[in-house]
Amino acid sequence: MSNYDQQLNELRVGTRTSLTIEKEDFLSFREVLVQMEDFKHFRGVAKQGGILIYTYEKEARS
C-alpha cells in the first residue's frame, strides 16, 4: 500500500481528520485518489499557495 493509500484510508476510518497536499504532490496524489471506490467522499479545499486540504465526508458529492 502506498503512503497515499494509507493516508486516505486513515481519513476514511477516522484516525485522521484531514490530509494536506502540496501543489507539487497533487498529480501523484490524484492518481491514487481517483482509483478509490469511494473517491467522491473525499473533499478537497484549495488554500492559498496551491495547498489542498482533504477531508472525508459521509455523503458522496454529486
PDB file of N, CA and C in Angstrom:
ATOM      1  N   MET A   1       0.853  -1.181   0.000  1.00  0.00           N
ATOM      2  CA  MET A   1       0.000   0.000   0.000  1.00  0.00           C
ATOM      3  C   MET A   1       0.891   1.234   0.000  1.00  0.00           C
ATOM      4  N   SER A   2       0.580   2.165  -0.894  1.00  0.00           N
ATOM      5  CA  SER A   2       1.384   3.385  -0.963  1.00  0.00           C
ATOM      6  C   SER A   2       1.077   4.286   0.223  1.00  0.00           C
ATOM      7  N   ASN A   3       1.938   5.262   0.443  1.00  0.00           N
ATOM      8  CA  ASN A   3       1.745   6.220   1.521  1.00  0.00           C
ATOM      9  C   ASN A   3       0.411   6.953   1.364  1.00  0.00           C
ATOM     10  N   TYR A   4       0.050   7.320   0.142  1.00  0.00           N
ATOM     11  CA  TYR A   4      -1.228   7.995  -0.089  1.00  0.00           C
ATOM     12  C   TYR A   4      -2.396   7.055   0.214  1.00  0.00           C
ATOM     13  N   ASP A   5      -2.274   5.786  -0.176  1.00  0.00           N
ATOM     14  CA  ASP A   5      -3.320   4.811   0.146  1.00  0.00           C
ATOM     15  C   ASP A   5      -3.545   4.759   1.650  1.00  0.00           C
ATOM     16  N   GLN A   6      -2.475   4.687   2.377  1.00  0.00           N
ATOM     17  CA  GLN A   6      -2.551   4.600   3.832  1.00  0.00           C
ATOM     18  C   GLN A   6      -3.180   5.867   4.421  1.00  0.00           C
ATOM     19  N   GLN A   7      -2.755   7.021   3.959  1.00  0.00           N
ATOM     20  CA  GLN A   7      -3.285   8.286   4.475  1.00  0.00           C
ATOM     21  C   GLN A   7      -4.767   8.447   4.141  1.00  0.00           C
ATOM     22  N   LEU A   8      -5.175   8.056   2.937  1.00  0.00           N
ATOM     23  CA  LEU A   8      -6.583   8.129   2.557  1.00  0.00           C
ATOM     24  C   LEU A   8      -7.417   7.158   3.381  1.00  0.00           C
ATOM     25  N   ASN A   9      -6.867   5.982   3.654  1.00  0.00           N
ATOM     26  CA  ASN A   9      -7.578   5.016   4.492  1.00  0.00           C
ATOM     27  C   ASN A   9      -7.739   5.554   5.916  1.00  0.00           C
ATOM     28  N   GLU A  10      -6.724   6.236   6.430  1.00  0.00           N
ATOM     29  CA  GLU A  10      -6.822   6.845   7.755  1.00  0.00           C
ATOM     30  C   GLU A  10      -7.934   7.895   7.789  1.00  0.00           C
ATOM     31  N   LEU A  11      -8.085   8.650   6.713  1.00  0.00           N
ATOM     32  CA  LEU A  11      -9.195   9.607   6.616  1.00  0.00           C
ATOM     33  C   LEU A  11     -10.536   8.873   6.625  1.00  0.00           C
ATOM     34  N   ARG A  12     -10.594   7.798   5.860  1.00  0.00           N
ATOM     35  CA  ARG A  12     -11.822   7.019   5.710  1.00  0.00           C
ATOM     36  C   ARG A  12     -12.296   6.447   7.051  1.00  0.00           C
ATOM     37  N   VAL A  13     -11.377   5.895   7.822  1.00  0.00           N
ATOM     38  CA  VAL A  13     -11.765   5.245   9.083  1.00  0.00           C
ATOM     39  C   VAL A  13     -11.815   6.215  10.254  1.00  0.00           C
ATOM     40  N   GLY A  14     -11.339   7.436  10.070  1.00  0.00           N
ATOM     41  CA  GLY A  14     -11.455   8.453  11.095  1.00  0.00           C
ATOM     42  C   GLY A  14     -10.269   8.597  12.028  1.00  0.00           C
ATOM     43  N   THR A  15      -9.168   7.915  11.761  1.00  0.00           N
ATOM     44  CA  THR A  15      -7.982   8.093  12.600  1.00  0.00           C
ATOM     45  C   THR A  15      -7.222   9.363  12.229  1.00  0.00           C
ATOM     46  N   ARG A  16      -7.605   9.976  11.133  1.00  0.00           N
ATOM     47  CA  ARG A  16      -7.037  11.247  10.676  1.00  0.00           C
ATOM     48  C   ARG A  16      -8.210  12.130  10.283  1.00  0.00           C
ATOM     49  N   THR A  17      -8.161  13.415  10.651  1.00  0.00           N
ATOM     50  CA  THR A  17      -9.279  14.302  10.338  1.00  0.00           C
ATOM     51  C   THR A  17      -9.096  15.043   9.020  1.00  0.00           C
ATOM     52  N   SER A  18      -7.837  15.255   8.603  1.00  0.00           N
ATOM     53  CA  SER A  18      -7.589  15.937   7.336  1.00  0.00           C
ATOM     54  C   SER A  18      -6.233  15.517   6.785  1.00  0.00           C
ATOM     55  N   LEU A  19      -6.049  15.790   5.523  1.00  0.00           N
ATOM     56  CA  LEU A  19      -4.811  15.456   4.817  1.00  0.00           C
ATOM     57  C   LEU A  19      -4.415  16.662   3.980  1.00  0.00           C
ATOM     58  N   THR A  20      -3.203  17.152   4.171  1.00  0.00           N
ATOM     59  CA  THR A  20      -2.706  18.319   3.442  1.00  0.00           C
ATOM     60  C   THR A  20      -1.818  17.861   2.289  1.00  0.00           C
ATOM     61  N   ILE A  21      -2.122  18.339   1.094  1.00  0.00           N
ATOM     62  CA  ILE A  21      -1.360  18.004  -0.110  1.00  0.00           C
ATOM     63  C   ILE A  21      -0.769  19.284  -0.682  1.00  0.00           C
ATOM     64  N   GLU A  22       0.530  19.272  -0.909  1.00  0.00           N
ATOM     65  CA  GLU A  22       1.226  20.412  -1.512  1.00  0.00           C
ATOM     66  C   GLU A  22       1.008  20.399  -3.025  1.00  0.00           C
ATOM     67  N   LYS A  23       1.098  21.563  -3.627  1.00  0.00           N
ATOM     68  CA  LYS A  23       0.871  21.729  -5.065  1.00  0.00           C
ATOM     69  C   LYS A  23       1.718  20.761  -5.900  1.00  0.00           C
ATOM     70  N   GLU A  24       2.981  20.602  -5.564  1.00  0.00           N
ATOM     71  CA  GLU A  24       3.868  19.751  -6.360  1.00  0.00           C
ATOM     72  C   GLU A  24       3.576  18.259  -6.211  1.00  0.00           C
ATOM     73  N   ASP A  25       2.799  17.869  -5.212  1.00  0.00           N
ATOM     74  CA  ASP A  25       2.449  16.462  -4.989  1.00  0.00           C
ATOM     75  C   ASP A  25       1.067  16.102  -5.515  1.00  0.00           C
ATOM     76  N   PHE A  26       0.328  17.096  -5.991  1.00  0.00           N
ATOM     77  CA  PHE A  26      -1.074  16.878  -6.340  1.00  0.00           C
ATOM     78  C   PHE A  26      -1.279  15.823  -7.416  1.00  0.00           C
ATOM     79  N   LEU A  27      -0.535  15.862  -8.502  1.00  0.00           N
ATOM     80  CA  LEU A  27      -0.778  14.921  -9.605  1.00  0.00           C
ATOM     81  C   LEU A  27      -0.549  13.474  -9.189  1.00  0.00           C
ATOM     82  N   SER A  28       0.500  13.200  -8.437  1.00  0.00           N
ATOM     83  CA  SER A  28       0.726  11.830  -7.989  1.00  0.00           C
ATOM     84  C   SER A  28      -0.321  11.410  -6.953  1.00  0.00           C
ATOM     85  N   PHE A  29      -0.748  12.345  -6.104  1.00  0.00           N
ATOM     86  CA  PHE A  29      -1.809  12.055  -5.141  1.00  0.00           C
ATOM     87  C   PHE A  29      -3.115  11.756  -5.862  1.00  0.00           C
ATOM     88  N   ARG A  30      -3.445  12.564  -6.865  1.00  0.00           N
ATOM     89  CA  ARG A  30      -4.710  12.399  -7.586  1.00  0.00           C
ATOM     90  C   ARG A  30      -4.800  11.050  -8.275  1.00  0.00           C
ATOM     91  N   GLU A  31      -3.683  10.548  -8.792  1.00  0.00           N
ATOM     92  CA  GLU A  31      -3.681   9.224  -9.420  1.00  0.00           C
ATOM     93  C   GLU A  31      -4.172   8.156  -8.457  1.00  0.00           C
ATOM     94  N   VAL A  32      -3.764   8.255  -7.206  1.00  0.00           N
ATOM     95  CA  VAL A  32      -4.190   7.300  -6.182  1.00  0.00           C
ATOM     96  C   VAL A  32      -5.644   7.564  -5.795  1.00  0.00           C
ATOM     97  N   LEU A  33      -5.992   8.821  -5.615  1.00  0.00           N
ATOM     98  CA  LEU A  33      -7.338   9.190  -5.162  1.00  0.00           C
ATOM     99  C   LEU A  33      -8.422   8.707  -6.109  1.00  0.00           C
ATOM    100  N   VAL A  34      -8.278   8.938  -7.402  1.00  0.00           N
ATOM    101  CA  VAL A  34      -9.353   8.600  -8.348  1.00  0.00           C
ATOM    102  C   VAL A  34      -9.536   7.091  -8.519  1.00  0.00           C
ATOM    103  N   GLN A  35      -8.604   6.299  -8.044  1.00  0.00           N
ATOM    104  CA  GLN A  35      -8.746   4.845  -8.112  1.00  0.00           C
ATOM    105  C   GLN A  35      -9.528   4.285  -6.928  1.00  0.00           C
ATOM    106  N   MET A  36      -9.797   5.117  -5.923  1.00  0.00           N
ATOM    107  CA  MET A  36     -10.556   4.686  -4.760  1.00  0.00           C
ATOM    108  C   MET A  36     -12.024   4.515  -5.151  1.00  0.00           C
ATOM    109  N   GLU A  37     -12.648   3.434  -4.683  1.00  0.00           N
ATOM    110  CA  GLU A  37     -14.060   3.197  -4.984  1.00  0.00           C
ATOM    111  C   GLU A  37     -14.934   4.319  -4.446  1.00  0.00           C
ATOM    112  N   ASP A  38     -14.555   4.872  -3.316  1.00  0.00           N
ATOM    113  CA  ASP A  38     -15.359   5.899  -2.665  1.00  0.00           C
ATOM    114  C   ASP A  38     -14.744   7.293  -2.821  1.00  0.00           C
ATOM    115  N   PHE A  39     -14.085   7.528  -3.947  1.00  0.00           N
ATOM    116  CA  PHE A  39     -13.352   8.787  -4.109  1.00  0.00           C
ATOM    117  C   PHE A  39     -14.254  10.021  -4.046  1.00  0.00           C
ATOM    118  N   LYS A  40     -15.532   9.877  -4.311  1.00  0.00           N
ATOM    119  CA  LYS A  40     -16.433  11.026  -4.240  1.00  0.00           C
ATOM    120  C   LYS A  40     -16.738  11.435  -2.805  1.00  0.00           C
ATOM    121  N   HIS A  41     -16.299  10.651  -1.842  1.00  0.00           N
ATOM    122  CA  HIS A  41     -16.469  11.003  -0.431  1.00  0.00           C
ATOM    123  C   HIS A  41     -15.331  11.905   0.056  1.00  0.00           C
ATOM    124  N   PHE A  42     -14.253  11.954  -0.689  1.00  0.00           N
ATOM    125  CA  PHE A  42     -13.117  12.792  -0.308  1.00  0.00           C
ATOM    126  C   PHE A  42     -13.351  14.199  -0.835  1.00  0.00           C
ATOM    127  N   ARG A  43     -13.211  15.172   0.043  1.00  0.00           N
ATOM    128  CA  ARG A  43     -13.464  16.567  -0.334  1.00  0.00           C
ATOM    129  C   ARG A  43     -12.176  17.360  -0.189  1.00  0.00           C
ATOM    130  N   GLY A  44     -11.776  18.000  -1.266  1.00  0.00           N
ATOM    131  CA  GLY A  44     -10.579  18.827  -1.252  1.00  0.00           C
ATOM    132  C   GLY A  44     -10.925  20.299  -1.291  1.00  0.00           C
ATOM    133  N   VAL A  45     -10.279  21.072  -0.431  1.00  0.00           N
ATOM    134  CA  VAL A  45     -10.478  22.517  -0.396  1.00  0.00           C
ATOM    135  C   VAL A  45      -9.132  23.178  -0.686  1.00  0.00           C
ATOM    136  N   ALA A  46      -9.127  24.034  -1.693  1.00  0.00           N
ATOM    137  CA  ALA A  46      -7.897  24.721  -2.087  1.00  0.00           C
ATOM    138  C   ALA A  46      -7.631  25.902  -1.165  1.00  0.00           C
ATOM    139  N   LYS A  47      -6.382  26.028  -0.760  1.00  0.00           N
ATOM    140  CA  LYS A  47      -5.945  27.144   0.071  1.00  0.00           C
ATOM    141  C   LYS A  47      -4.935  27.970  -0.724  1.00  0.00           C
ATOM    142  N   GLN A  48      -4.625  29.117  -0.218  1.00  0.00           N
ATOM    143  CA  GLN A  48      -3.677  29.998  -0.883  1.00  0.00           C
ATOM    144  C   GLN A  48      -2.317  29.314  -1.010  1.00  0.00           C
ATOM    145  N   GLY A  49      -1.667  29.494  -2.144  1.00  0.00           N
ATOM    146  CA  GLY A  49      -0.351  28.912  -2.373  1.00  0.00           C
ATOM    147  C   GLY A  49      -0.393  27.522  -2.973  1.00  0.00           C
ATOM    148  N   GLY A  50      -1.580  27.051  -3.389  1.00  0.00           N
ATOM    149  CA  GLY A  50      -1.688  25.756  -4.039  1.00  0.00           C
ATOM    150  C   GLY A  50      -1.789  24.583  -3.086  1.00  0.00           C
ATOM    151  N   ILE A  51      -2.045  24.835  -1.834  1.00  0.00           N
ATOM    152  CA  ILE A  51      -2.185  23.765  -0.847  1.00  0.00           C
ATOM    153  C   ILE A  51      -3.630  23.288  -0.846  1.00  0.00           C
ATOM    154  N   LEU A  52      -3.824  21.976  -0.765  1.00  0.00           N
ATOM    155  CA  LEU A  52      -5.160  21.389  -0.710  1.00  0.00           C
ATOM    156  C   LEU A  52      -5.330  20.661   0.613  1.00  0.00           C
ATOM    157  N   ILE A  53      -6.491  20.832   1.223  1.00  0.00           N
ATOM    158  CA  ILE A  53      -6.825  20.142   2.459  1.00  0.00           C
ATOM    159  C   ILE A  53      -7.961  19.167   2.139  1.00  0.00           C
ATOM    160  N   TYR A  54      -7.725  17.878   2.330  1.00  0.00           N
ATOM    161  CA  TYR A  54      -8.734  16.862   2.057  1.00  0.00           C
ATOM    162  C   TYR A  54      -9.341  16.351   3.350  1.00  0.00           C
ATOM    163  N   THR A  55     -10.653  16.138   3.307  1.00  0.00           N
ATOM    164  CA  THR A  55     -11.387  15.524   4.404  1.00  0.00           C
ATOM    165  C   THR A  55     -12.253  14.409   3.807  1.00  0.00           C
ATOM    166  N   TYR A  56     -12.820  13.587   4.679  1.00  0.00           N
ATOM    167  CA  TYR A  56     -13.711  12.507   4.241  1.00  0.00           C
ATOM    168  C   TYR A  56     -15.112  12.828   4.700  1.00  0.00           C
ATOM    169  N   GLU A  57     -16.062  12.817   3.766  1.00  0.00           N
ATOM    170  CA  GLU A  57     -17.448  13.132   4.047  1.00  0.00           C
ATOM    171  C   GLU A  57     -18.281  11.858   4.049  1.00  0.00           C
ATOM    172  N   LYS A  58     -19.272  11.791   4.930  1.00  0.00           N
ATOM    173  CA  LYS A  58     -20.159  10.617   4.995  1.00  0.00           C
ATOM    174  C   LYS A  58     -20.963  10.453   3.714  1.00  0.00           C
ATOM    175  N   GLU A  59     -21.409  11.573   3.148  1.00  0.00           N
ATOM    176  CA  GLU A  59     -22.199  11.521   1.906  1.00  0.00           C
ATOM    177  C   GLU A  59     -21.313  11.872   0.725  1.00  0.00           C
ATOM    178  N   ALA A  60     -21.491  11.127  -0.356  1.00  0.00           N
ATOM    179  CA  ALA A  60     -20.700  11.388  -1.564  1.00  0.00           C
ATOM    180  C   ALA A  60     -21.173  12.672  -2.223  1.00  0.00           C
ATOM    181  N   ARG A  61     -20.222  13.379  -2.821  1.00  0.00           N
ATOM    182  CA  ARG A  61     -20.585  14.587  -3.565  1.00  0.00           C
ATOM    183  C   ARG A  61     -21.219  14.166  -4.880  1.00  0.00           C
ATOM    184  N   SER A  62     -21.963  15.038  -5.473  1.00  0.00           N
ATOM    185  CA  SER A  62     -22.660  14.697  -6.726  1.00  0.00           C
ATOM    186  C   SER A  62     -21.784  14.882  -7.921  1.00  0.00           C
TER     187      SER A  62
END
